[in-house]
């Protein structure tokens, strides 16, 4: 399978790192800083080196008419300059490509105007894909062939789990819950770590306790057949320390705060999407 990755940052680099361990993929990397990036990424490849390019025009000049999956792993603000780059090349066609966009908030309709093809998939991976323990929300348009769906799934299943949603709008919810989700957990871990001084524990001691508690609780949550409320109740003895701690969290409306955080993130995803799509679509009509 021929796979090209445009953008070798955190997500693009993670995709490359995992795919480069497998012999069945022929890879290409495209990034303006490719020389610098390859020095750090190159050591991770256990198979053959990918083709390296500094920009899309250099890349397409070296292409033959082959069927290729092109993963767009760039930031939303980089999409308009990319559109300008594509526009300059009159003969550039993406008819033989399946475009897989991990660009947050950019709709299929906008991407179709830029690339002039309907073979586009939207994906929303989260940062734990760098460890192979991430999850990627995927939206496949109806026109995409079963074979292309299978090929795209093969890529993201190497990075962790996948969730196929039946509506493009649901990707805003995926972004708010799993895309932003690691930061919510890290924020909670930061709060636990900050208690060390008041508890009379050293930084090393509190770090060890928080890390292993996070690992253990996550393992219980993922492996237990019991629902999460039963797991919580199993730790909570009547009149004990855990009950008192949970009562304090409830006093500060912990659950309500989490809900508001996720809904705020979803609203911001929708808002950013509208801004970016409007700007790009206006310019594609000129």
Protein backbone atom coordinates (compact mmCIF):
# COMPACT_ATOMS: atom_id res chain seq x y z
CA UNK A 1 0.00 0.00 0.00
CA UNK A 2 1.38 3.41 -0.98
CA UNK A 3 0.91 6.01 1.76
CA UNK A 4 2.15 9.60 1.76
CA UNK A 5 2.05 11.83 4.84
CA UNK A 6 1.88 15.60 4.45
CA UNK A 7 3.11 17.11 7.71
CA UNK A 8 5.51 15.30 10.03
CA UNK A 9 4.57 16.86 13.37
CA UNK A 10 3.19 14.95 16.39
CA UNK A 11 0.37 13.11 14.59
CA UNK A 12 2.07 12.79 11.20
CA UNK A 13 5.25 11.61 12.89
CA UNK A 14 3.30 9.07 14.97
CA UNK A 15 1.59 7.67 11.89
CA UNK A 16 4.93 7.36 10.13
CA UNK A 17 6.61 5.74 13.15
CA UNK A 18 4.01 2.99 13.34
CA UNK A 19 3.70 2.38 9.59
CA UNK A 20 7.48 2.35 9.10
CA UNK A 21 7.73 -0.82 11.19
CA UNK A 22 5.75 -2.77 8.56
CA UNK A 23 7.04 -3.99 5.21
CA UNK A 24 3.72 -3.77 3.37
CA UNK A 25 3.74 0.04 3.22
CA UNK A 26 5.60 2.25 0.73
CA UNK A 27 5.93 5.59 2.47
CA UNK A 28 6.61 9.19 1.52
CA UNK A 29 6.99 12.16 3.87
CA UNK A 30 6.30 15.75 2.82
CA UNK A 31 7.27 18.67 5.08
CA UNK A 32 9.08 22.01 4.61
CA UNK A 33 11.42 21.05 7.47
CA UNK A 34 11.91 17.49 6.23
CA UNK A 35 15.74 17.52 6.47
CA UNK A 36 15.62 18.50 10.15
CA UNK A 37 12.65 16.23 10.93
CA UNK A 38 14.19 13.19 9.26
CA UNK A 39 17.17 13.32 11.62
CA UNK A 40 14.81 12.57 14.52
CA UNK A 41 12.35 10.31 12.68
CA UNK A 42 14.87 8.37 10.62
CA UNK A 43 16.24 6.32 13.50
CA UNK A 44 12.81 4.86 14.23
CA UNK A 45 12.33 3.21 10.84
CA UNK A 46 13.19 -0.50 10.93
CA UNK A 47 12.33 -1.08 7.29
CA UNK A 48 13.37 0.91 4.21
CA UNK A 49 13.56 4.71 4.23
CA UNK A 50 10.62 6.69 2.82
CA UNK A 51 10.76 9.13 -0.07
CA UNK A 52 11.33 12.64 1.31
CA UNK A 53 9.96 15.90 -0.12
CA UNK A 54 9.90 19.54 1.02
CA UNK A 55 6.57 20.48 -0.56
CA UNK A 56 3.60 19.10 -2.45
CA UNK A 57 4.76 20.37 -5.85
CA UNK A 58 8.13 18.64 -5.52
CA UNK A 59 6.27 15.51 -4.42
CA UNK A 60 3.79 15.45 -7.30
CA UNK A 61 6.51 16.00 -9.89
CA UNK A 62 7.99 12.67 -8.79
CA UNK A 63 4.72 10.79 -8.92
CA UNK A 64 3.57 8.36 -11.51
CA UNK A 65 -0.14 7.67 -12.00
CA UNK A 66 -0.48 5.45 -8.96
CA UNK A 67 -3.23 4.99 -6.39
CA UNK A 68 -2.02 6.61 -3.18
CA UNK A 69 -3.42 7.41 0.25
CA UNK A 70 -2.41 10.96 1.19
CA UNK A 71 -2.69 11.74 4.91
CA UNK A 72 -3.11 15.46 5.62
CA UNK A 73 -1.46 15.84 9.03
CA UNK A 74 -1.17 19.63 9.07
CA UNK A 75 -2.59 22.38 11.29
CA UNK A 76 -5.80 24.12 10.16
CA UNK A 77 -3.94 27.42 9.56
CA UNK A 78 -1.64 25.64 7.09
CA UNK A 79 -4.50 24.55 4.84
CA UNK A 80 -5.02 27.85 3.02
CA UNK A 81 -1.32 28.16 2.00
CA UNK A 82 -1.61 24.55 0.81
CA UNK A 83 -4.64 25.50 -1.28
CA UNK A 84 -2.63 28.36 -2.83
CA UNK A 85 0.19 25.91 -3.58
CA UNK A 86 -2.25 23.51 -5.30
CA UNK A 87 -3.86 26.34 -7.25
CA UNK A 88 -0.54 27.35 -8.84
CA UNK A 89 -0.07 23.91 -10.31
CA UNK A 90 -2.65 23.78 -13.12
CA UNK A 91 -2.00 20.14 -14.04
CA UNK A 92 -2.13 18.73 -10.53
CA UNK A 93 -4.86 16.11 -10.12
CA UNK A 94 -5.89 14.11 -7.05
CA UNK A 95 -8.13 11.73 -9.00
CA UNK A 96 -6.02 8.70 -8.01
CA UNK A 97 -5.74 9.72 -4.37
CA UNK A 98 -7.69 8.93 -1.25
CA UNK A 99 -7.23 12.01 0.94
CA UNK A 100 -7.34 11.30 4.69
CA UNK A 101 -7.65 14.58 6.59
CA UNK A 102 -6.71 14.79 10.25
CA UNK A 103 -7.09 18.59 10.05
CA UNK A 104 -9.45 19.54 12.87
CA UNK A 105 -12.65 21.32 11.92
CA UNK A 106 -12.20 21.39 8.13
CA UNK A 107 -15.32 19.95 6.49
CA UNK A 108 -15.56 17.49 3.61
CA UNK A 109 -17.21 20.15 1.43
CA UNK A 110 -14.23 22.49 1.92
CA UNK A 111 -11.69 19.72 1.31
CA UNK A 112 -13.51 18.70 -1.87
CA UNK A 113 -13.23 22.23 -3.21
CA UNK A 114 -9.50 22.25 -2.55
CA UNK A 115 -8.61 18.81 -3.87
CA UNK A 116 -11.35 18.44 -6.53
CA UNK A 117 -12.12 14.85 -5.52
CA UNK A 118 -14.81 13.06 -3.51
CA UNK A 119 -12.41 10.40 -2.21
CA UNK A 120 -11.86 12.12 1.12
CA UNK A 121 -12.03 10.71 4.64
CA UNK A 122 -12.01 12.71 7.87
CA UNK A 123 -10.11 11.35 10.88
CA UNK A 124 -9.71 12.67 14.43
CA UNK A 125 -6.87 10.85 16.26
CA UNK A 126 -5.76 11.86 19.75
CA UNK A 127 -2.18 12.26 20.97
CA UNK A 128 -1.92 8.81 22.65
CA UNK A 129 -1.63 7.42 19.08
CA UNK A 130 2.07 8.21 19.57
CA UNK A 131 2.21 5.26 21.98
CA UNK A 132 -0.08 3.00 19.92
CA UNK A 133 -2.79 3.43 22.57
CA UNK A 134 -4.83 6.20 20.96
CA UNK A 135 -8.29 6.28 19.48
CA UNK A 136 -9.27 7.76 16.12
CA UNK A 137 -12.76 8.91 15.19
CA UNK A 138 -13.42 8.29 11.48
CA UNK A 139 -16.11 9.52 9.13
CA UNK A 140 -16.40 7.78 5.75
CA UNK A 141 -18.56 9.44 3.06
CA UNK A 142 -21.04 7.13 1.34
CA UNK A 143 -19.26 7.23 -2.02
CA UNK A 144 -16.02 5.71 -0.64
CA UNK A 145 -15.36 2.14 -1.77
CA UNK A 146 -15.17 -0.75 0.71
CA UNK A 147 -11.53 -1.34 -0.26
CA UNK A 148 -10.55 2.27 0.46
CA UNK A 149 -12.35 2.11 3.83
CA UNK A 150 -10.44 -1.05 4.70
CA UNK A 151 -7.10 0.53 3.74
CA UNK A 152 -7.76 3.63 5.86
CA UNK A 153 -8.84 1.50 8.83
CA UNK A 154 -5.62 -0.54 8.51
CA UNK A 155 -3.59 2.64 9.05
CA UNK A 156 -5.40 3.85 12.15
CA UNK A 157 -5.83 0.44 13.75
CA UNK A 158 -2.02 0.34 14.03
CA UNK A 159 -2.26 3.46 16.23
CA UNK A 160 -4.83 2.09 18.68
CA UNK A 161 -8.61 1.79 18.51
CA UNK A 162 -10.99 3.31 15.94
CA UNK A 163 -14.55 4.58 16.14
CA UNK A 164 -16.53 5.04 12.90
CA UNK A 165 -19.23 7.71 13.25
CA UNK A 166 -22.26 7.93 10.96
CA UNK A 167 -22.37 11.74 10.81
CA UNK A 168 -19.62 14.24 10.07
CA UNK A 169 -20.99 16.54 12.79
CA UNK A 170 -20.24 13.88 15.40
CA UNK A 171 -16.53 14.56 14.85
CA UNK A 172 -16.99 17.75 16.90
CA UNK A 173 -18.05 15.53 19.82
CA UNK A 174 -15.16 13.15 19.19
CA UNK A 175 -12.80 16.15 19.24
CA UNK A 176 -14.25 17.40 22.54
CA UNK A 177 -14.21 14.02 24.27
CA UNK A 178 -11.21 12.03 23.02
CA UNK A 179 -9.25 14.67 21.09
CA UNK A 180 -9.13 17.07 24.05
CA UNK A 181 -9.66 14.25 26.57
CA UNK A 182 -5.99 13.51 27.37
CA UNK A 183 -5.59 17.12 28.54
CA UNK A 184 -8.47 16.68 31.02
CA UNK A 185 -6.75 13.63 32.49
CA UNK A 186 -3.38 15.43 32.61
CA UNK A 187 -5.04 18.39 34.33
CA UNK A 188 -6.49 16.04 36.97
CA UNK A 189 -3.08 14.39 37.43
CA UNK A 190 -1.52 17.86 37.85
CA UNK A 191 -4.07 18.62 40.58
CA UNK A 192 -3.21 15.37 42.41
CA UNK A 193 0.52 16.01 42.05
CA UNK A 194 0.12 19.49 43.54
CA UNK A 195 -1.13 18.00 46.84
CA UNK A 196 2.28 16.61 47.81
CA UNK A 197 3.41 19.53 49.98
CA UNK A 198 0.19 19.61 52.04
CA UNK A 199 0.34 15.81 52.43
CA UNK A 200 3.97 15.86 53.56
CA UNK A 201 5.14 13.78 50.58
CA UNK A 202 8.21 14.41 48.39
CA UNK A 203 7.78 15.12 44.68
CA UNK A 204 9.24 11.70 43.89
CA UNK A 205 6.84 9.95 46.27
CA UNK A 206 3.70 11.72 45.05
CA UNK A 207 4.69 11.17 41.40
CA UNK A 208 5.09 7.43 41.98
CA UNK A 209 1.74 7.21 43.77
CA UNK A 210 -0.18 9.20 41.15
CA UNK A 211 1.37 7.39 38.18
CA UNK A 212 0.71 3.90 39.50
CA UNK A 213 -2.77 4.80 40.74
CA UNK A 214 -3.61 6.14 37.27
CA UNK A 215 -2.27 2.95 35.64
CA UNK A 216 -4.13 0.70 38.07
CA UNK A 217 -7.45 2.56 37.93
CA UNK A 218 -7.30 2.66 34.12
CA UNK A 219 -6.55 -1.07 33.96
CA UNK A 220 -9.51 -1.81 36.25
CA UNK A 221 -11.79 0.42 34.17
CA UNK A 222 -10.72 -1.17 30.87
CA UNK A 223 -10.62 -4.81 32.00
CA UNK A 224 -13.47 -5.11 34.51
CA UNK A 225 -16.85 -6.33 33.33
CA UNK A 226 -18.56 -4.24 36.00
CA UNK A 227 -19.86 -0.74 35.14
CA UNK A 228 -17.76 2.21 36.31
CA UNK A 229 -20.19 3.26 39.06
CA UNK A 230 -19.79 -0.20 40.68
CA UNK A 231 -15.99 0.15 40.51
CA UNK A 232 -16.32 3.50 42.28
CA UNK A 233 -18.65 2.04 44.92
CA UNK A 234 -16.21 -0.83 45.55
CA UNK A 235 -13.57 1.72 46.65
CA UNK A 236 -16.02 3.74 48.72
CA UNK A 237 -16.63 2.40 52.23
CA UNK A 238 -19.52 3.91 54.18
CA UNK A 239 -18.21 6.72 56.37
CA UNK A 240 -14.65 6.20 55.10
CA UNK A 241 -11.97 8.39 53.58
CA UNK A 242 -13.00 7.88 49.95
CA UNK A 243 -16.62 8.81 50.67
CA UNK A 244 -15.47 12.03 52.32
CA UNK A 245 -13.23 12.86 49.37
CA UNK A 246 -16.00 12.20 46.84
CA UNK A 247 -18.45 14.32 48.86
CA UNK A 248 -15.97 17.21 48.63
CA UNK A 249 -15.65 16.77 44.84
CA UNK A 250 -19.45 16.82 44.60
CA UNK A 251 -19.55 19.97 46.74
CA UNK A 252 -17.35 21.65 44.14
CA UNK A 253 -19.55 20.25 41.32
CA UNK A 254 -16.76 18.16 39.82
CA UNK A 255 -19.03 16.18 37.43
CA UNK A 256 -20.82 19.34 36.29
CA UNK A 257 -17.47 21.00 35.64
CA UNK A 258 -16.35 18.07 33.48
CA UNK A 259 -19.61 18.20 31.49
CA UNK A 260 -19.25 21.96 30.94
CA UNK A 261 -15.63 21.51 29.86
CA UNK A 262 -16.52 18.89 27.22
CA UNK A 263 -19.50 20.89 25.91
CA UNK A 264 -17.37 24.06 25.75
CA UNK A 265 -14.73 22.19 23.77
CA UNK A 266 -17.40 20.90 21.38
CA UNK A 267 -18.83 24.42 20.90
CA UNK A 268 -15.34 25.75 20.19
CA UNK A 269 -14.74 22.98 17.65
CA UNK A 270 -17.94 23.97 15.81
CA UNK A 271 -17.01 27.66 16.02
CA UNK A 272 -13.48 27.14 14.71
CA UNK A 273 -14.80 24.91 11.93
CA UNK A 274 -17.25 27.59 10.76
CA UNK A 275 -14.53 30.26 10.77
CA UNK A 276 -11.99 28.17 8.88
CA UNK A 277 -14.43 26.71 6.37
CA UNK A 278 -15.93 30.13 5.58
CA UNK A 279 -12.50 31.66 5.02
CA UNK A 280 -11.29 28.87 2.77
CA UNK A 281 -14.54 28.52 0.82
CA UNK A 282 -14.66 32.28 0.16
CA UNK A 283 -11.19 32.15 -1.32
CA UNK A 284 -11.84 29.03 -3.40
CA UNK A 285 -14.72 30.86 -5.10
CA UNK A 286 -12.54 33.78 -6.26
